[in-house]
Amino acid sequence: MSGHHPITSKKKAQALSTALFLIGLATLIFTEAWWPGIMLIVGLPLALRQYLLGRTYDMMMTLLVFVGTFVTVQFDISWRIFLPILFTLGALYILFREFFGPDETTEEEKEEELNHEIEEKK
């Protein structure tokens, strides 16, 4: 359920999303607009990383939840109904993806998991 092939390596995607997060954090500190700005500062770098790794569906769900929360609060939309729906959709998507989606574990991740299990047994 990934959507597309990765655009860049996992390492570069992580570096770009971390840089975006730090720039966003600096902006929040400067503007003192913590709420609901923190929702964008967390959500946008996560969505960028997912996009760069070719996880289009994950990116869309991340944007829906984080940007949806920001818009709800920023524009004073009734959040008592909207936010629980957003978070429930996000949770259902994660559960369905994990339990019913294809196994996207790479050989490198499988080897790392095996090495971790070996270390735990020592």
C-alpha atoms as a PDB file:
ATOM      1  CA  MET A   1       0.000   0.000   0.000  1.00  0.00           C
ATOM      2  CA  SER A   2       2.961   2.289  -0.431  1.00  0.00           C
ATOM      3  CA  GLY A   3       1.749   4.077  -3.542  1.00  0.00           C
ATOM      4  CA  HIS A   4       5.003   4.745  -5.392  1.00  0.00           C
ATOM      5  CA  HIS A   5       8.706   3.995  -5.377  1.00  0.00           C
ATOM      6  CA  PRO A   6      10.950   5.975  -3.021  1.00  0.00           C
ATOM      7  CA  ILE A   7      12.225   9.291  -4.361  1.00  0.00           C
ATOM      8  CA  THR A   8      15.340   9.290  -2.185  1.00  0.00           C
ATOM      9  CA  SER A   9      17.134   7.157   0.392  1.00  0.00           C
ATOM     10  CA  LYS A  10      15.786   6.684   3.895  1.00  0.00           C
ATOM     11  CA  LYS A  11      18.786   8.601   5.286  1.00  0.00           C
ATOM     12  CA  LYS A  12      18.220  11.643   3.035  1.00  0.00           C
ATOM     13  CA  ALA A  13      14.471  11.617   3.667  1.00  0.00           C
ATOM     14  CA  GLN A  14      15.125  11.617   7.424  1.00  0.00           C
ATOM     15  CA  ALA A  15      17.666  14.453   7.100  1.00  0.00           C
ATOM     16  CA  LEU A  16      15.264  16.619   5.067  1.00  0.00           C
ATOM     17  CA  SER A  17      12.325  16.014   7.404  1.00  0.00           C
ATOM     18  CA  THR A  18      14.486  16.733  10.475  1.00  0.00           C
ATOM     19  CA  ALA A  19      15.710  19.988   8.898  1.00  0.00           C
ATOM     20  CA  LEU A  20      12.110  21.013   8.140  1.00  0.00           C
ATOM     21  CA  PHE A  21      11.104  20.178  11.720  1.00  0.00           C
ATOM     22  CA  LEU A  22      13.924  22.302  13.176  1.00  0.00           C
ATOM     23  CA  ILE A  23      13.077  25.247  10.903  1.00  0.00           C
ATOM     24  CA  GLY A  24       9.447  24.931  11.971  1.00  0.00           C
ATOM     25  CA  LEU A  25      10.433  24.763  15.634  1.00  0.00           C
ATOM     26  CA  ALA A  26      12.554  27.893  15.223  1.00  0.00           C
ATOM     27  CA  THR A  27       9.553  29.622  13.637  1.00  0.00           C
ATOM     28  CA  LEU A  28       7.312  28.604  16.554  1.00  0.00           C
ATOM     29  CA  ILE A  29       9.812  29.901  19.088  1.00  0.00           C
ATOM     30  CA  PHE A  30      10.125  33.187  17.202  1.00  0.00           C
ATOM     31  CA  THR A  31       6.374  33.712  16.713  1.00  0.00           C
ATOM     32  CA  GLU A  32       5.257  32.088  19.993  1.00  0.00           C
ATOM     33  CA  ALA A  33       2.325  30.592  18.042  1.00  0.00           C
ATOM     34  CA  TRP A  34       2.542  27.170  19.689  1.00  0.00           C
ATOM     35  CA  TRP A  35      -1.054  26.062  19.307  1.00  0.00           C
ATOM     36  CA  PRO A  36      -2.124  24.965  16.760  1.00  0.00           C
ATOM     37  CA  GLY A  37       1.201  25.611  14.991  1.00  0.00           C
ATOM     38  CA  ILE A  38       2.800  22.555  16.595  1.00  0.00           C
ATOM     39  CA  MET A  39       0.424  20.388  14.554  1.00  0.00           C
ATOM     40  CA  LEU A  40       1.994  21.694  11.330  1.00  0.00           C
ATOM     41  CA  ILE A  41       5.523  21.477  12.735  1.00  0.00           C
ATOM     42  CA  VAL A  42       5.042  17.783  13.547  1.00  0.00           C
ATOM     43  CA  GLY A  43       2.827  16.813  10.603  1.00  0.00           C
ATOM     44  CA  LEU A  44       4.551  18.467   7.651  1.00  0.00           C
ATOM     45  CA  PRO A  45       8.034  16.948   8.212  1.00  0.00           C
ATOM     46  CA  LEU A  46       6.452  13.536   8.775  1.00  0.00           C
ATOM     47  CA  ALA A  47       4.426  13.880   5.557  1.00  0.00           C
ATOM     48  CA  LEU A  48       7.554  15.032   3.666  1.00  0.00           C
ATOM     49  CA  ARG A  49       9.487  11.966   4.832  1.00  0.00           C
ATOM     50  CA  GLN A  50       6.616   9.678   3.843  1.00  0.00           C
ATOM     51  CA  TYR A  51       6.389  11.335   0.421  1.00  0.00           C
ATOM     52  CA  LEU A  52      10.128  11.009  -0.192  1.00  0.00           C
ATOM     53  CA  LEU A  53       9.980   7.329   0.753  1.00  0.00           C
ATOM     54  CA  GLY A  54       7.144   6.732  -1.696  1.00  0.00           C
ATOM     55  CA  ARG A  55       4.501   6.194   0.991  1.00  0.00           C
ATOM     56  CA  THR A  56       1.827   8.320  -0.668  1.00  0.00           C
ATOM     57  CA  TYR A  57      -1.160   6.915   1.225  1.00  0.00           C
ATOM     58  CA  ASP A  58       0.601   7.397   4.563  1.00  0.00           C
ATOM     59  CA  MET A  59       1.439  10.966   3.569  1.00  0.00           C
ATOM     60  CA  MET A  60      -2.182  11.738   2.694  1.00  0.00           C
ATOM     61  CA  MET A  61      -3.426  10.363   6.019  1.00  0.00           C
ATOM     62  CA  THR A  62      -0.759  12.296   7.942  1.00  0.00           C
ATOM     63  CA  LEU A  63      -1.731  15.518   6.190  1.00  0.00           C
ATOM     64  CA  LEU A  64      -5.426  14.841   6.813  1.00  0.00           C
ATOM     65  CA  VAL A  65      -4.900  14.402  10.557  1.00  0.00           C
ATOM     66  CA  PHE A  66      -2.276  17.090  11.267  1.00  0.00           C
ATOM     67  CA  VAL A  67      -3.349  19.776   8.802  1.00  0.00           C
ATOM     68  CA  GLY A  68      -7.001  18.972   9.531  1.00  0.00           C
ATOM     69  CA  THR A  69      -6.386  19.573  13.236  1.00  0.00           C
ATOM     70  CA  PHE A  70      -4.549  22.827  12.493  1.00  0.00           C
ATOM     71  CA  VAL A  71      -7.343  24.109  10.227  1.00  0.00           C
ATOM     72  CA  THR A  72     -10.022  23.075  12.730  1.00  0.00           C
ATOM     73  CA  VAL A  73      -8.393  25.026  15.549  1.00  0.00           C
ATOM     74  CA  GLN A  74      -7.070  27.942  13.500  1.00  0.00           C
ATOM     75  CA  PHE A  75     -10.408  28.708  11.859  1.00  0.00           C
ATOM     76  CA  ASP A  76     -12.528  27.910  14.906  1.00  0.00           C
ATOM     77  CA  ILE A  77     -14.377  24.984  13.328  1.00  0.00           C
ATOM     78  CA  SER A  78     -16.329  22.863  15.811  1.00  0.00           C
ATOM     79  CA  TRP A  79     -13.673  20.380  16.866  1.00  0.00           C
ATOM     80  CA  ARG A  80     -15.806  18.211  19.153  1.00  0.00           C
ATOM     81  CA  ILE A  81     -17.005  16.205  16.166  1.00  0.00           C
ATOM     82  CA  PHE A  82     -14.365  16.870  13.506  1.00  0.00           C
ATOM     83  CA  LEU A  83     -11.194  16.039  15.475  1.00  0.00           C
ATOM     84  CA  PRO A  84     -12.416  12.682  16.834  1.00  0.00           C
ATOM     85  CA  ILE A  85     -13.345  11.720  13.264  1.00  0.00           C
ATOM     86  CA  LEU A  86      -9.874  12.720  12.003  1.00  0.00           C
ATOM     87  CA  PHE A  87      -8.049  10.792  14.715  1.00  0.00           C
ATOM     88  CA  THR A  88     -10.293   7.740  14.307  1.00  0.00           C
ATOM     89  CA  LEU A  89      -9.691   7.706  10.546  1.00  0.00           C
ATOM     90  CA  GLY A  90      -5.949   7.935  11.186  1.00  0.00           C
ATOM     91  CA  ALA A  91      -6.022   5.073  13.687  1.00  0.00           C
ATOM     92  CA  LEU A  92      -8.138   2.845  11.424  1.00  0.00           C
ATOM     93  CA  TYR A  93      -5.837   3.508   8.485  1.00  0.00           C
ATOM     94  CA  ILE A  94      -2.748   2.564  10.508  1.00  0.00           C
ATOM     95  CA  LEU A  95      -4.368  -0.634  11.786  1.00  0.00           C
ATOM     96  CA  PHE A  96      -5.619  -1.713   8.352  1.00  0.00           C
ATOM     97  CA  ARG A  97      -2.288  -0.905   6.726  1.00  0.00           C
ATOM     98  CA  GLU A  98      -0.350  -2.862   9.337  1.00  0.00           C
ATOM     99  CA  PHE A  99      -2.554  -5.948   9.479  1.00  0.00           C
ATOM    100  CA  PHE A 100      -4.051  -6.156   5.982  1.00  0.00           C
ATOM    101  CA  GLY A 101      -1.553  -4.342   3.761  1.00  0.00           C
ATOM    102  CA  PRO A 102       1.415  -5.906   1.982  1.00  0.00           C
ATOM    103  CA  ASP A 103       4.583  -6.637   3.940  1.00  0.00           C
ATOM    104  CA  GLU A 104       6.919  -3.802   2.977  1.00  0.00           C
ATOM    105  CA  THR A 105       9.840  -4.900   5.128  1.00  0.00           C
ATOM    106  CA  THR A 106      13.111  -4.522   3.235  1.00  0.00           C
ATOM    107  CA  GLU A 107      15.949  -7.031   3.447  1.00  0.00           C
ATOM    108  CA  GLU A 108      17.953  -4.479   5.448  1.00  0.00           C
ATOM    109  CA  GLU A 109      15.128  -4.083   8.005  1.00  0.00           C
ATOM    110  CA  LYS A 110      14.724  -7.876   8.290  1.00  0.00           C
ATOM    111  CA  GLU A 111      18.460  -8.270   8.912  1.00  0.00           C
ATOM    112  CA  GLU A 112      18.409  -5.457  11.501  1.00  0.00           C
ATOM    113  CA  GLU A 113      15.437  -7.082  13.259  1.00  0.00           C
ATOM    114  CA  LEU A 114      17.218 -10.451  13.291  1.00  0.00           C
ATOM    115  CA  ASN A 115      20.402  -8.867  14.697  1.00  0.00           C
ATOM    116  CA  HIS A 116      18.302  -7.163  17.398  1.00  0.00           C
ATOM    117  CA  GLU A 117      16.699 -10.493  18.350  1.00  0.00           C
ATOM    118  CA  ILE A 118      20.141 -12.135  18.535  1.00  0.00           C
ATOM    119  CA  GLU A 119      21.410  -9.320  20.792  1.00  0.00           C
ATOM    120  CA  GLU A 120      18.397  -9.730  23.106  1.00  0.00           C
ATOM    121  CA  LYS A 121      19.082 -13.458  23.510  1.00  0.00           C
ATOM    122  CA  LYS A 122      22.679 -12.877  24.658  1.00  0.00           C
END
